[in-house]
Structure formats: structure tokens, C-alpha cells
PDB file of all heavy atoms in Angstrom:
ATOM      1  N   ALA A   1       0.902  -1.203  -0.025  1.00  0.00           N
ATOM      2  CA  ALA A   1      -0.028  -0.005  -0.020  1.00  0.00           C
ATOM      3  C   ALA A   1       0.889   1.261  -0.025  1.00  0.00           C
ATOM      4  O   ALA A   1       0.549   2.211  -0.689  1.00  0.00           O
ATOM      5  CB  ALA A   1      -0.943  -0.042   1.188  1.00  0.00           C
ATOM      6  N   THR A   2       2.017   1.249   0.714  1.00  0.00           N
ATOM      7  CA  THR A   2       2.875   2.287   0.774  1.00  0.00           C
ATOM      8  C   THR A   2       3.519   2.622  -0.574  1.00  0.00           C
ATOM      9  O   THR A   2       3.608   3.767  -1.071  1.00  0.00           O
ATOM     10  CB  THR A   2       3.975   2.078   1.844  1.00  0.00           C
ATOM     11  OG1 THR A   2       3.380   1.808   3.096  1.00  0.00           O
ATOM     12  CG2 THR A   2       4.893   3.348   1.942  1.00  0.00           C
ATOM     13  N   GLN A   3       3.963   1.550  -1.215  1.00  0.00           N
ATOM     14  CA  GLN A   3       4.576   1.663  -2.498  1.00  0.00           C
ATOM     15  C   GLN A   3       3.696   2.367  -3.557  1.00  0.00           C
ATOM     16  O   GLN A   3       4.113   3.241  -4.260  1.00  0.00           O
ATOM     17  CB  GLN A   3       4.953   0.227  -3.056  1.00  0.00           C
ATOM     18  CG  GLN A   3       5.363   0.227  -4.503  1.00  0.00           C
ATOM     19  CD  GLN A   3       6.759   1.054  -4.783  1.00  0.00           C
ATOM     20  OE1 GLN A   3       7.534   1.153  -3.955  1.00  0.00           O
ATOM     21  NE2 GLN A   3       6.760   1.713  -6.005  1.00  0.00           N
ATOM     22  N   PHE A   4       2.434   1.983  -3.577  1.00  0.00           N
ATOM     23  CA  PHE A   4       1.515   2.496  -4.584  1.00  0.00           C
ATOM     24  C   PHE A   4       0.813   3.768  -4.210  1.00  0.00           C
ATOM     25  O   PHE A   4       0.369   4.464  -5.120  1.00  0.00           O
ATOM     26  CB  PHE A   4       0.509   1.328  -5.028  1.00  0.00           C
ATOM     27  CG  PHE A   4       1.189   0.259  -5.685  1.00  0.00           C
ATOM     28  CD1 PHE A   4       1.295  -0.978  -5.072  1.00  0.00           C
ATOM     29  CD2 PHE A   4       1.759   0.392  -6.946  1.00  0.00           C
ATOM     30  CE1 PHE A   4       1.868  -2.060  -5.611  1.00  0.00           C
ATOM     31  CE2 PHE A   4       2.304  -0.708  -7.586  1.00  0.00           C
ATOM     32  CZ  PHE A   4       2.417  -1.935  -6.916  1.00  0.00           C
ATOM     33  N   PHE A   5       0.586   3.989  -2.887  1.00  0.00           N
ATOM     34  CA  PHE A   5      -0.284   5.099  -2.514  1.00  0.00           C
ATOM     35  C   PHE A   5       0.355   6.143  -1.596  1.00  0.00           C
ATOM     36  O   PHE A   5      -0.338   6.875  -0.867  1.00  0.00           O
ATOM     37  CB  PHE A   5      -1.592   4.545  -1.857  1.00  0.00           C
ATOM     38  CG  PHE A   5      -2.307   3.651  -2.712  1.00  0.00           C
ATOM     39  CD1 PHE A   5      -2.342   2.246  -2.465  1.00  0.00           C
ATOM     40  CD2 PHE A   5      -2.980   4.003  -3.822  1.00  0.00           C
ATOM     41  CE1 PHE A   5      -3.096   1.355  -3.249  1.00  0.00           C
ATOM     42  CE2 PHE A   5      -3.714   3.160  -4.672  1.00  0.00           C
ATOM     43  CZ  PHE A   5      -3.716   1.810  -4.353  1.00  0.00           C
ATOM     44  N   ALA A   6       1.684   6.105  -1.466  1.00  0.00           N
ATOM     45  CA  ALA A   6       2.335   7.041  -0.504  1.00  0.00           C
ATOM     46  C   ALA A   6       1.952   8.436  -0.730  1.00  0.00           C
ATOM     47  O   ALA A   6       1.508   9.158   0.255  1.00  0.00           O
ATOM     48  CB  ALA A   6       3.878   6.896  -0.642  1.00  0.00           C
ATOM     49  N   GLU A   7       2.021   9.019  -1.925  1.00  0.00           N
ATOM     50  CA  GLU A   7       1.677  10.425  -2.154  1.00  0.00           C
ATOM     51  C   GLU A   7       0.206  10.718  -1.828  1.00  0.00           C
ATOM     52  O   GLU A   7      -0.136  11.659  -1.259  1.00  0.00           O
ATOM     53  CB  GLU A   7       1.920  10.879  -3.555  1.00  0.00           C
ATOM     54  CG  GLU A   7       3.407  10.996  -3.917  1.00  0.00           C
ATOM     55  CD  GLU A   7       4.104   9.699  -4.348  1.00  0.00           C
ATOM     56  OE1 GLU A   7       3.362   8.617  -4.340  1.00  0.00           O
ATOM     57  OE2 GLU A   7       5.254   9.698  -4.661  1.00  0.00           O
ATOM     58  N   HIS A   8      -0.754   9.785  -2.232  1.00  0.00           N
ATOM     59  CA  HIS A   8      -2.109   9.891  -1.972  1.00  0.00           C
ATOM     60  C   HIS A   8      -2.407  10.046  -0.480  1.00  0.00           C
ATOM     61  O   HIS A   8      -3.166  10.839  -0.038  1.00  0.00           O
ATOM     62  CB  HIS A   8      -2.874   8.801  -2.658  1.00  0.00           C
ATOM     63  CG  HIS A   8      -4.359   8.887  -2.382  1.00  0.00           C
ATOM     64  ND1 HIS A   8      -5.139   9.811  -2.991  1.00  0.00           N
ATOM     65  CD2 HIS A   8      -5.221   8.170  -1.654  1.00  0.00           C
ATOM     66  CE1 HIS A   8      -6.380   9.737  -2.626  1.00  0.00           C
ATOM     67  NE2 HIS A   8      -6.418   8.683  -1.747  1.00  0.00           N
ATOM     68  N   MET A   9      -1.723   9.107   0.300  1.00  0.00           N
ATOM     69  CA  MET A   9      -1.930   9.117   1.758  1.00  0.00           C
ATOM     70  C   MET A   9      -1.528  10.419   2.436  1.00  0.00           C
ATOM     71  O   MET A   9      -2.233  10.858   3.286  1.00  0.00           O
ATOM     72  CB  MET A   9      -1.241   7.878   2.406  1.00  0.00           C
ATOM     73  CG  MET A   9      -1.907   6.556   1.995  1.00  0.00           C
ATOM     74  SD  MET A   9      -1.261   5.090   2.909  1.00  0.00           S
ATOM     75  CE  MET A   9       0.283   4.871   2.069  1.00  0.00           C
ATOM     76  N   LEU A  10      -0.365  10.906   1.965  1.00  0.00           N
ATOM     77  CA  LEU A  10       0.138  12.180   2.519  1.00  0.00           C
ATOM     78  C   LEU A  10      -0.818  13.326   2.205  1.00  0.00           C
ATOM     79  O   LEU A  10      -1.097  14.201   3.069  1.00  0.00           O
ATOM     80  CB  LEU A  10       1.499  12.420   1.882  1.00  0.00           C
ATOM     81  CG  LEU A  10       2.634  11.535   2.524  1.00  0.00           C
ATOM     82  CD1 LEU A  10       3.821  11.597   1.564  1.00  0.00           C
ATOM     83  CD2 LEU A  10       3.036  11.941   3.922  1.00  0.00           C
ATOM     84  N   ARG A  11      -1.389  13.335   0.968  1.00  0.00           N
ATOM     85  CA  ARG A  11      -2.350  14.419   0.640  1.00  0.00           C
ATOM     86  C   ARG A  11      -3.582  14.343   1.478  1.00  0.00           C
ATOM     87  O   ARG A  11      -4.117  15.349   1.842  1.00  0.00           O
ATOM     88  CB  ARG A  11      -2.630  14.307  -0.889  1.00  0.00           C
ATOM     89  CG  ARG A  11      -1.425  14.674  -1.861  1.00  0.00           C
ATOM     90  CD  ARG A  11      -1.895  14.848  -3.253  1.00  0.00           C
ATOM     91  NE  ARG A  11      -0.719  15.097  -4.061  1.00  0.00           N
ATOM     92  CZ  ARG A  11      -0.109  14.202  -4.840  1.00  0.00           C
ATOM     93  NH1 ARG A  11      -0.537  12.934  -4.796  1.00  0.00           N
ATOM     94  NH2 ARG A  11       0.899  14.479  -5.589  1.00  0.00           N
ATOM     95  N   VAL A  12      -4.077  13.084   1.658  1.00  0.00           N
ATOM     96  CA  VAL A  12      -5.250  12.850   2.586  1.00  0.00           C
ATOM     97  C   VAL A  12      -5.020  13.417   3.968  1.00  0.00           C
ATOM     98  O   VAL A  12      -5.928  14.028   4.669  1.00  0.00           O
ATOM     99  CB  VAL A  12      -5.599  11.410   2.638  1.00  0.00           C
ATOM    100  CG1 VAL A  12      -6.642  11.069   3.753  1.00  0.00           C
ATOM    101  CG2 VAL A  12      -6.172  10.916   1.273  1.00  0.00           C
ATOM    102  N   MET A  13      -3.762  13.360   4.401  1.00  0.00           N
ATOM    103  CA  MET A  13      -3.345  13.879   5.711  1.00  0.00           C
ATOM    104  C   MET A  13      -3.232  15.423   5.702  1.00  0.00           C
ATOM    105  O   MET A  13      -2.930  16.027   6.781  1.00  0.00           O
ATOM    106  CB  MET A  13      -2.044  13.231   6.186  1.00  0.00           C
ATOM    107  CG  MET A  13      -2.127  11.755   6.471  1.00  0.00           C
ATOM    108  SD  MET A  13      -3.161  11.256   7.766  1.00  0.00           S
ATOM    109  CE  MET A  13      -2.166  11.821   9.249  1.00  0.00           C
ATOM    110  N   GLY A  14      -3.453  16.089   4.576  1.00  0.00           N
ATOM    111  CA  GLY A  14      -3.406  17.491   4.469  1.00  0.00           C
ATOM    112  C   GLY A  14      -2.112  18.118   4.043  1.00  0.00           C
ATOM    113  O   GLY A  14      -1.965  19.301   4.164  1.00  0.00           O
ATOM    114  N   ALA A  15      -1.121  17.271   3.677  1.00  0.00           N
ATOM    115  CA  ALA A  15       0.172  17.804   3.319  1.00  0.00           C
ATOM    116  C   ALA A  15       0.192  18.553   1.904  1.00  0.00           C
ATOM    117  O   ALA A  15      -0.507  18.096   0.978  1.00  0.00           O
ATOM    118  CB  ALA A  15       1.186  16.711   3.185  1.00  0.00           C
ATOM    119  N   GLY A  16       0.864  19.767   1.872  1.00  0.00           N
ATOM    120  CA  GLY A  16       1.037  20.428   0.558  1.00  0.00           C
ATOM    121  C   GLY A  16       2.035  19.664  -0.289  1.00  0.00           C
ATOM    122  O   GLY A  16       2.726  18.765   0.127  1.00  0.00           O
ATOM    123  N   GLU A  17       2.157  20.134  -1.560  1.00  0.00           N
ATOM    124  CA  GLU A  17       2.946  19.413  -2.506  1.00  0.00           C
ATOM    125  C   GLU A  17       4.473  19.274  -2.088  1.00  0.00           C
ATOM    126  O   GLU A  17       5.083  18.310  -2.346  1.00  0.00           O
ATOM    127  CB  GLU A  17       2.822  19.991  -3.868  1.00  0.00           C
ATOM    128  CG  GLU A  17       1.454  19.682  -4.593  1.00  0.00           C
ATOM    129  CD  GLU A  17       1.184  18.216  -4.607  1.00  0.00           C
ATOM    130  OE1 GLU A  17       1.945  17.456  -4.996  1.00  0.00           O
ATOM    131  OE2 GLU A  17       0.059  17.895  -4.150  1.00  0.00           O
ATOM    132  N   ALA A  18       5.007  20.385  -1.496  1.00  0.00           N
ATOM    133  CA  ALA A  18       6.427  20.379  -1.099  1.00  0.00           C
ATOM    134  C   ALA A  18       6.620  19.347  -0.030  1.00  0.00           C
ATOM    135  O   ALA A  18       7.547  18.608  -0.031  1.00  0.00           O
ATOM    136  CB  ALA A  18       6.787  21.800  -0.588  1.00  0.00           C
ATOM    137  N   ILE A  19       5.631  19.274   0.938  1.00  0.00           N
ATOM    138  CA  ILE A  19       5.715  18.285   1.972  1.00  0.00           C
ATOM    139  C   ILE A  19       5.498  16.858   1.488  1.00  0.00           C
ATOM    140  O   ILE A  19       6.141  15.942   1.859  1.00  0.00           O
ATOM    141  CB  ILE A  19       4.726  18.672   3.161  1.00  0.00           C
ATOM    142  CG1 ILE A  19       4.920  20.026   3.629  1.00  0.00           C
ATOM    143  CG2 ILE A  19       4.703  17.557   4.205  1.00  0.00           C
ATOM    144  CD1 ILE A  19       6.290  20.264   4.301  1.00  0.00           C
ATOM    145  N   VAL A  20       4.557  16.736   0.502  1.00  0.00           N
ATOM    146  CA  VAL A  20       4.304  15.431  -0.115  1.00  0.00           C
ATOM    147  C   VAL A  20       5.612  14.853  -0.721  1.00  0.00           C
ATOM    148  O   VAL A  20       5.934  13.700  -0.570  1.00  0.00           O
ATOM    149  CB  VAL A  20       3.151  15.570  -1.235  1.00  0.00           C
ATOM    150  CG1 VAL A  20       3.099  14.262  -2.024  1.00  0.00           C
ATOM    151  CG2 VAL A  20       1.893  15.736  -0.506  1.00  0.00           C
ATOM    152  N   GLU A  21       6.342  15.708  -1.403  1.00  0.00           N
ATOM    153  CA  GLU A  21       7.551  15.273  -2.077  1.00  0.00           C
ATOM    154  C   GLU A  21       8.573  14.766  -1.049  1.00  0.00           C
ATOM    155  O   GLU A  21       9.161  13.620  -1.219  1.00  0.00           O
ATOM    156  CB  GLU A  21       8.143  16.401  -2.878  1.00  0.00           C
ATOM    157  CG  GLU A  21       9.400  16.000  -3.742  1.00  0.00           C
ATOM    158  CD  GLU A  21       9.936  17.076  -4.535  1.00  0.00           C
ATOM    159  OE1 GLU A  21       9.263  18.137  -4.671  1.00  0.00           O
ATOM    160  OE2 GLU A  21      11.029  16.907  -5.149  1.00  0.00           O
ATOM    161  N   LEU A  22       8.780  15.537   0.027  1.00  0.00           N
ATOM    162  CA  LEU A  22       9.741  15.041   1.063  1.00  0.00           C
ATOM    163  C   LEU A  22       9.201  13.892   1.845  1.00  0.00           C
ATOM    164  O   LEU A  22       9.904  12.897   2.049  1.00  0.00           O
ATOM    165  CB  LEU A  22       9.974  16.192   1.993  1.00  0.00           C
ATOM    166  CG  LEU A  22      11.045  17.243   1.745  1.00  0.00           C
ATOM    167  CD1 LEU A  22      11.034  18.331   2.818  1.00  0.00           C
ATOM    168  CD2 LEU A  22      12.477  16.612   1.720  1.00  0.00           C
ATOM    169  N   GLY A  23       7.905  13.901   2.182  1.00  0.00           N
ATOM    170  CA  GLY A  23       7.333  12.878   2.987  1.00  0.00           C
ATOM    171  C   GLY A  23       7.214  11.594   2.302  1.00  0.00           C
ATOM    172  O   GLY A  23       7.354  10.536   2.920  1.00  0.00           O
ATOM    173  N   ALA A  24       7.045  11.600   0.922  1.00  0.00           N
ATOM    174  CA  ALA A  24       6.927  10.316   0.209  1.00  0.00           C
ATOM    175  C   ALA A  24       8.282   9.502   0.236  1.00  0.00           C
ATOM    176  O   ALA A  24       8.331   8.386   0.248  1.00  0.00           O
ATOM    177  CB  ALA A  24       6.500  10.613  -1.230  1.00  0.00           C
ATOM    178  N   VAL A  25       9.368  10.359   0.178  1.00  0.00           N
ATOM    179  CA  VAL A  25      10.705   9.653   0.262  1.00  0.00           C
ATOM    180  C   VAL A  25      10.807   8.972   1.588  1.00  0.00           C
ATOM    181  O   VAL A  25      11.164   7.713   1.593  1.00  0.00           O
ATOM    182  CB  VAL A  25      11.830  10.748   0.095  1.00  0.00           C
ATOM    183  CG1 VAL A  25      13.209  10.177   0.464  1.00  0.00           C
ATOM    184  CG2 VAL A  25      11.803  11.379  -1.195  1.00  0.00           C
ATOM    185  N   TYR A  26      10.502   9.602   2.626  1.00  0.00           N
ATOM    186  CA  TYR A  26      10.617   8.987   4.010  1.00  0.00           C
ATOM    187  C   TYR A  26       9.721   7.844   4.192  1.00  0.00           C
ATOM    188  O   TYR A  26       9.920   6.789   4.579  1.00  0.00           O
ATOM    189  CB  TYR A  26      10.363  10.038   5.074  1.00  0.00           C
ATOM    190  CG  TYR A  26      10.541   9.496   6.499  1.00  0.00           C
ATOM    191  CD1 TYR A  26      11.698   9.615   7.179  1.00  0.00           C
ATOM    192  CD2 TYR A  26       9.390   8.944   7.125  1.00  0.00           C
ATOM    193  CE1 TYR A  26      11.809   9.080   8.413  1.00  0.00           C
ATOM    194  CE2 TYR A  26       9.521   8.488   8.419  1.00  0.00           C
ATOM    195  CZ  TYR A  26      10.749   8.587   9.086  1.00  0.00           C
ATOM    196  OH  TYR A  26      10.832   8.125  10.316  1.00  0.00           O
ATOM    197  N   LEU A  27       8.368   8.080   3.698  1.00  0.00           N
ATOM    198  CA  LEU A  27       7.314   7.094   3.942  1.00  0.00           C
ATOM    199  C   LEU A  27       7.687   5.793   3.168  1.00  0.00           C
ATOM    200  O   LEU A  27       7.476   4.716   3.698  1.00  0.00           O
ATOM    201  CB  LEU A  27       5.955   7.615   3.514  1.00  0.00           C
ATOM    202  CG  LEU A  27       4.785   6.731   3.674  1.00  0.00           C
ATOM    203  CD1 LEU A  27       4.670   6.360   5.150  1.00  0.00           C
ATOM    204  CD2 LEU A  27       3.462   7.526   3.265  1.00  0.00           C
ATOM    205  N   ARG A  28       8.060   5.887   1.898  1.00  0.00           N
ATOM    206  CA  ARG A  28       8.442   4.653   1.182  1.00  0.00           C
ATOM    207  C   ARG A  28       9.544   3.946   1.710  1.00  0.00           C
ATOM    208  O   ARG A  28       9.573   2.703   1.875  1.00  0.00           O
ATOM    209  CB  ARG A  28       8.740   5.064  -0.260  1.00  0.00           C
ATOM    210  CG  ARG A  28       7.423   5.301  -1.103  1.00  0.00           C
ATOM    211  CD  ARG A  28       7.707   5.110  -2.572  1.00  0.00           C
ATOM    212  NE  ARG A  28       6.478   5.128  -3.340  1.00  0.00           N
ATOM    213  CZ  ARG A  28       5.947   6.247  -3.834  1.00  0.00           C
ATOM    214  NH1 ARG A  28       6.492   7.460  -3.737  1.00  0.00           N
ATOM    215  NH2 ARG A  28       4.743   6.196  -4.431  1.00  0.00           N
ATOM    216  N   ILE A  29      10.620   4.627   2.226  1.00  0.00           N
ATOM    217  CA  ILE A  29      11.772   3.899   2.724  1.00  0.00           C
ATOM    218  C   ILE A  29      11.413   3.163   4.102  1.00  0.00           C
ATOM    219  O   ILE A  29      11.781   1.966   4.274  1.00  0.00           O
ATOM    220  CB  ILE A  29      12.896   4.845   3.049  1.00  0.00           C
ATOM    221  CG1 ILE A  29      13.496   5.431   1.749  1.00  0.00           C
ATOM    222  CG2 ILE A  29      14.067   4.089   3.752  1.00  0.00           C
ATOM    223  CD1 ILE A  29      14.442   6.605   1.869  1.00  0.00           C
ATOM    224  N   VAL A  30      10.590   3.825   4.906  1.00  0.00           N
ATOM    225  CA  VAL A  30      10.183   3.136   6.219  1.00  0.00           C
ATOM    226  C   VAL A  30       9.019   2.303   6.072  1.00  0.00           C
ATOM    227  O   VAL A  30       8.957   1.183   6.662  1.00  0.00           O
ATOM    228  CB  VAL A  30       9.835   4.398   7.183  1.00  0.00           C
ATOM    229  CG1 VAL A  30       9.283   3.748   8.478  1.00  0.00           C
ATOM    230  CG2 VAL A  30      11.084   5.180   7.477  1.00  0.00           C
ATOM    231  N   GLY A  31       8.074   2.649   5.114  1.00  0.00           N
ATOM    232  CA  GLY A  31       6.846   1.890   5.067  1.00  0.00           C
ATOM    233  C   GLY A  31       6.831   0.661   4.162  1.00  0.00           C
ATOM    234  O   GLY A  31       6.106  -0.283   4.452  1.00  0.00           O
ATOM    235  N   ILE A  32       7.625   0.611   3.086  1.00  0.00           N
ATOM    236  CA  ILE A  32       7.659  -0.532   2.233  1.00  0.00           C
ATOM    237  C   ILE A  32       8.138  -1.828   2.990  1.00  0.00           C
ATOM    238  O   ILE A  32       7.411  -2.902   2.869  1.00  0.00           O
ATOM    239  CB  ILE A  32       8.515  -0.313   0.970  1.00  0.00           C
ATOM    240  CG1 ILE A  32       7.726   0.731   0.024  1.00  0.00           C
ATOM    241  CG2 ILE A  32       8.738  -1.590   0.217  1.00  0.00           C
ATOM    242  CD1 ILE A  32       8.493   1.166  -1.184  1.00  0.00           C
ATOM    243  N   PRO A  33       9.142  -1.772   3.774  1.00  0.00           N
ATOM    244  CA  PRO A  33       9.529  -2.904   4.615  1.00  0.00           C
ATOM    245  C   PRO A  33       8.786  -2.904   5.973  1.00  0.00           C
ATOM    246  O   PRO A  33       9.359  -3.071   7.058  1.00  0.00           O
ATOM    247  CB  PRO A  33      10.962  -2.719   4.860  1.00  0.00           C
ATOM    248  CG  PRO A  33      11.214  -1.256   4.891  1.00  0.00           C
ATOM    249  CD  PRO A  33      10.156  -0.688   3.890  1.00  0.00           C
ATOM    250  N   ALA A  34       7.430  -2.630   5.853  1.00  0.00           N
ATOM    251  CA  ALA A  34       6.626  -2.511   7.115  1.00  0.00           C
ATOM    252  C   ALA A  34       6.557  -3.785   7.939  1.00  0.00           C
ATOM    253  O   ALA A  34       6.262  -3.802   9.168  1.00  0.00           O
ATOM    254  CB  ALA A  34       5.252  -2.055   6.837  1.00  0.00           C
ATOM    255  N   PHE A  35       6.880  -4.989   7.247  1.00  0.00           N
ATOM    256  CA  PHE A  35       6.817  -6.164   7.950  1.00  0.00           C
ATOM    257  C   PHE A  35       7.909  -6.304   9.088  1.00  0.00           C
ATOM    258  O   PHE A  35       7.744  -7.043  10.011  1.00  0.00           O
ATOM    259  CB  PHE A  35       6.938  -7.397   6.992  1.00  0.00           C
ATOM    260  CG  PHE A  35       8.220  -7.501   6.219  1.00  0.00           C
ATOM    261  CD1 PHE A  35       9.292  -8.087   6.692  1.00  0.00           C
ATOM    262  CD2 PHE A  35       8.288  -6.883   4.975  1.00  0.00           C
ATOM    263  CE1 PHE A  35      10.478  -8.210   5.904  1.00  0.00           C
ATOM    264  CE2 PHE A  35       9.491  -6.963   4.198  1.00  0.00           C
ATOM    265  CZ  PHE A  35      10.489  -7.583   4.698  1.00  0.00           C
TER     266      PHE A  35
END
């Protein structure tokens, strides 16, 4: 879910585009190996 929807999830949380760009980098690195 993180791999395919990271940006969408950040936007749902109210993040602007600059924050989405930074946040997606962090979220994918941490979230893809969520297991």
C-alpha cells in the first residue's frame, strides 16, 4: 500500500505538495519494509 499510494496518503493527511515530495521519500523507505 505504501509503494503504490504514498503520495495519496500524504495528501489525505493534508500535506502540501512540497511536504508530499519530502514525505513520500521517507514514507516509502520506512513503510515498504513494514513487515
